[in-house]
N, C-alpha and C. Protein backbone atom coordinates (compact mmCIF):
# COMPACT_ATOMS: atom_id res chain seq x y z
N MET A 1 129.90 97.20 95.37
CA MET A 1 128.79 96.42 94.84
C MET A 1 128.47 95.25 95.76
N SER A 2 129.45 94.80 96.50
CA SER A 2 129.25 93.67 97.40
C SER A 2 128.26 94.02 98.51
N GLU A 3 128.29 95.26 99.02
CA GLU A 3 127.36 95.65 100.08
C GLU A 3 125.92 95.63 99.59
N ILE A 4 125.70 96.01 98.33
CA ILE A 4 124.35 95.98 97.77
C ILE A 4 123.86 94.54 97.68
N ALA A 5 124.70 93.65 97.20
CA ALA A 5 124.32 92.24 97.10
C ALA A 5 124.05 91.66 98.48
N ASP A 6 124.86 92.02 99.47
CA ASP A 6 124.63 91.54 100.83
C ASP A 6 123.30 92.06 101.38
N ALA A 7 123.01 93.31 101.11
CA ALA A 7 121.76 93.90 101.59
C ALA A 7 120.56 93.21 100.94
N LEU A 8 120.64 92.97 99.65
CA LEU A 8 119.54 92.29 98.96
C LEU A 8 119.39 90.85 99.43
N ARG A 9 120.50 90.19 99.68
CA ARG A 9 120.46 88.81 100.17
C ARG A 9 119.78 88.76 101.53
N TYR A 10 119.94 89.79 102.31
CA TYR A 10 119.35 89.84 103.65
C TYR A 10 117.88 90.29 103.60
N ALA A 11 117.57 91.28 102.77
CA ALA A 11 116.25 91.90 102.78
C ALA A 11 115.21 91.15 101.97
N THR A 12 115.61 90.47 100.91
CA THR A 12 114.64 89.82 100.03
C THR A 12 113.81 88.76 100.76
N PRO A 13 114.42 87.83 101.49
CA PRO A 13 113.57 86.86 102.20
C PRO A 13 112.66 87.51 103.24
N MET A 14 113.14 88.57 103.88
CA MET A 14 112.31 89.26 104.87
C MET A 14 111.11 89.92 104.20
N ALA A 15 111.32 90.54 103.04
CA ALA A 15 110.23 91.18 102.32
C ALA A 15 109.23 90.15 101.82
N LEU A 16 109.72 89.01 101.34
CA LEU A 16 108.82 87.95 100.89
C LEU A 16 108.01 87.38 102.05
N THR A 17 108.62 87.22 103.18
CA THR A 17 107.90 86.76 104.37
C THR A 17 106.83 87.77 104.76
N ALA A 18 107.17 89.04 104.72
CA ALA A 18 106.19 90.09 105.02
C ALA A 18 105.04 90.05 104.02
N GLY A 19 105.34 89.77 102.76
CA GLY A 19 104.29 89.66 101.74
C GLY A 19 103.35 88.51 102.01
N VAL A 20 103.88 87.39 102.44
CA VAL A 20 103.04 86.23 102.76
C VAL A 20 102.14 86.55 103.96
N VAL A 21 102.72 87.17 104.98
CA VAL A 21 101.93 87.54 106.16
C VAL A 21 100.85 88.54 105.76
N TRP A 22 101.21 89.53 104.95
CA TRP A 22 100.22 90.51 104.48
C TRP A 22 99.10 89.81 103.73
N TYR A 23 99.44 88.88 102.84
CA TYR A 23 98.43 88.19 102.05
C TYR A 23 97.48 87.39 102.94
N LEU A 24 98.02 86.70 103.94
CA LEU A 24 97.17 85.93 104.84
C LEU A 24 96.21 86.83 105.61
N VAL A 25 96.71 87.94 106.13
CA VAL A 25 95.86 88.87 106.87
C VAL A 25 94.84 89.51 105.94
N ALA A 26 95.26 89.91 104.74
CA ALA A 26 94.34 90.54 103.79
C ALA A 26 93.28 89.55 103.32
N SER A 27 93.64 88.30 103.16
CA SER A 27 92.68 87.28 102.74
C SER A 27 91.61 87.05 103.82
N LEU A 28 92.02 87.11 105.06
CA LEU A 28 91.06 86.91 106.15
C LEU A 28 90.12 88.10 106.30
N SER A 29 90.60 89.29 105.97
CA SER A 29 89.78 90.49 106.16
C SER A 29 89.02 90.90 104.90
N GLY A 30 89.19 90.20 103.82
CA GLY A 30 88.50 90.53 102.57
C GLY A 30 89.39 90.28 101.38
N GLU A 31 89.06 90.91 100.28
CA GLU A 31 89.83 90.72 99.05
C GLU A 31 91.13 91.52 99.12
N PRO A 32 92.27 90.85 98.88
CA PRO A 32 93.56 91.55 98.95
C PRO A 32 93.70 92.60 97.85
N ASN A 33 94.25 93.73 98.19
CA ASN A 33 94.57 94.78 97.23
C ASN A 33 96.06 94.62 96.90
N TRP A 34 96.35 94.25 95.65
CA TRP A 34 97.73 93.90 95.28
C TRP A 34 98.67 95.09 95.28
N VAL A 35 98.14 96.27 95.00
CA VAL A 35 98.99 97.46 95.03
C VAL A 35 99.44 97.75 96.47
N ASP A 36 98.51 97.66 97.40
CA ASP A 36 98.88 97.85 98.81
C ASP A 36 99.90 96.81 99.25
N GLY A 37 99.74 95.58 98.80
CA GLY A 37 100.69 94.52 99.16
C GLY A 37 102.07 94.77 98.60
N ALA A 38 102.12 95.24 97.35
CA ALA A 38 103.42 95.52 96.73
C ALA A 38 104.12 96.67 97.45
N VAL A 39 103.37 97.70 97.79
CA VAL A 39 103.95 98.83 98.52
C VAL A 39 104.42 98.38 99.90
N PHE A 40 103.63 97.55 100.57
CA PHE A 40 104.01 97.05 101.89
C PHE A 40 105.30 96.25 101.81
N MET A 41 105.42 95.36 100.83
CA MET A 41 106.63 94.55 100.69
C MET A 41 107.84 95.43 100.40
N PHE A 42 107.68 96.42 99.53
CA PHE A 42 108.79 97.31 99.18
C PHE A 42 109.26 98.10 100.40
N VAL A 43 108.31 98.68 101.12
CA VAL A 43 108.67 99.49 102.29
C VAL A 43 109.28 98.60 103.38
N PHE A 44 108.73 97.41 103.59
CA PHE A 44 109.28 96.51 104.59
C PHE A 44 110.71 96.12 104.22
N GLY A 45 110.94 95.79 102.95
CA GLY A 45 112.29 95.45 102.50
C GLY A 45 113.25 96.61 102.66
N LEU A 46 112.79 97.82 102.39
CA LEU A 46 113.63 99.01 102.55
C LEU A 46 113.99 99.23 104.01
N VAL A 47 113.01 99.09 104.89
CA VAL A 47 113.28 99.27 106.33
C VAL A 47 114.25 98.21 106.84
N VAL A 48 114.06 96.96 106.41
CA VAL A 48 114.97 95.89 106.83
C VAL A 48 116.38 96.16 106.33
N THR A 49 116.49 96.60 105.08
CA THR A 49 117.81 96.89 104.51
C THR A 49 118.50 98.02 105.26
N LEU A 50 117.77 99.09 105.54
CA LEU A 50 118.36 100.20 106.29
C LEU A 50 118.74 99.77 107.71
N GLY A 51 117.89 98.97 108.32
CA GLY A 51 118.22 98.47 109.65
C GLY A 51 119.47 97.61 109.64
N TRP A 52 119.59 96.76 108.64
CA TRP A 52 120.78 95.92 108.51
C TRP A 52 122.02 96.77 108.27
N TYR A 53 121.87 97.77 107.41
CA TYR A 53 123.00 98.62 107.03
C TYR A 53 123.54 99.38 108.24
N TYR A 54 122.65 99.92 109.05
CA TYR A 54 123.08 100.74 110.17
C TYR A 54 123.29 99.96 111.47
N SER A 55 122.99 98.68 111.47
CA SER A 55 123.13 97.89 112.70
C SER A 55 124.55 97.43 112.97
N GLY A 56 125.39 97.45 111.97
CA GLY A 56 126.74 96.95 112.14
C GLY A 56 126.88 95.49 111.75
N GLU A 57 125.78 94.83 111.38
CA GLU A 57 125.84 93.44 110.95
C GLU A 57 126.67 93.28 109.68
N ARG A 58 126.66 94.29 108.85
CA ARG A 58 127.39 94.19 107.58
C ARG A 58 128.90 94.15 107.81
N THR A 59 129.37 94.68 108.92
CA THR A 59 130.81 94.68 109.18
C THR A 59 131.28 93.37 109.80
N LYS A 60 130.36 92.53 110.26
CA LYS A 60 130.72 91.26 110.87
C LYS A 60 130.97 90.16 109.85
N SER A 61 130.58 90.39 108.61
CA SER A 61 130.74 89.36 107.57
C SER A 61 132.18 89.19 107.17
């Protein structure tokens, strides 16, 4: 269970940052679509988590 908590601790701020960047870009290009933003944040968080998991960073803790 510790690995899941570590992954979430690592991926959540990255996904939130991606959401803010998405919102800024979407606001400049027109009205933001919230479903697209939610999907983007989820996929970005998933990619970051998988990258962290397979990078070996989890074994350095």
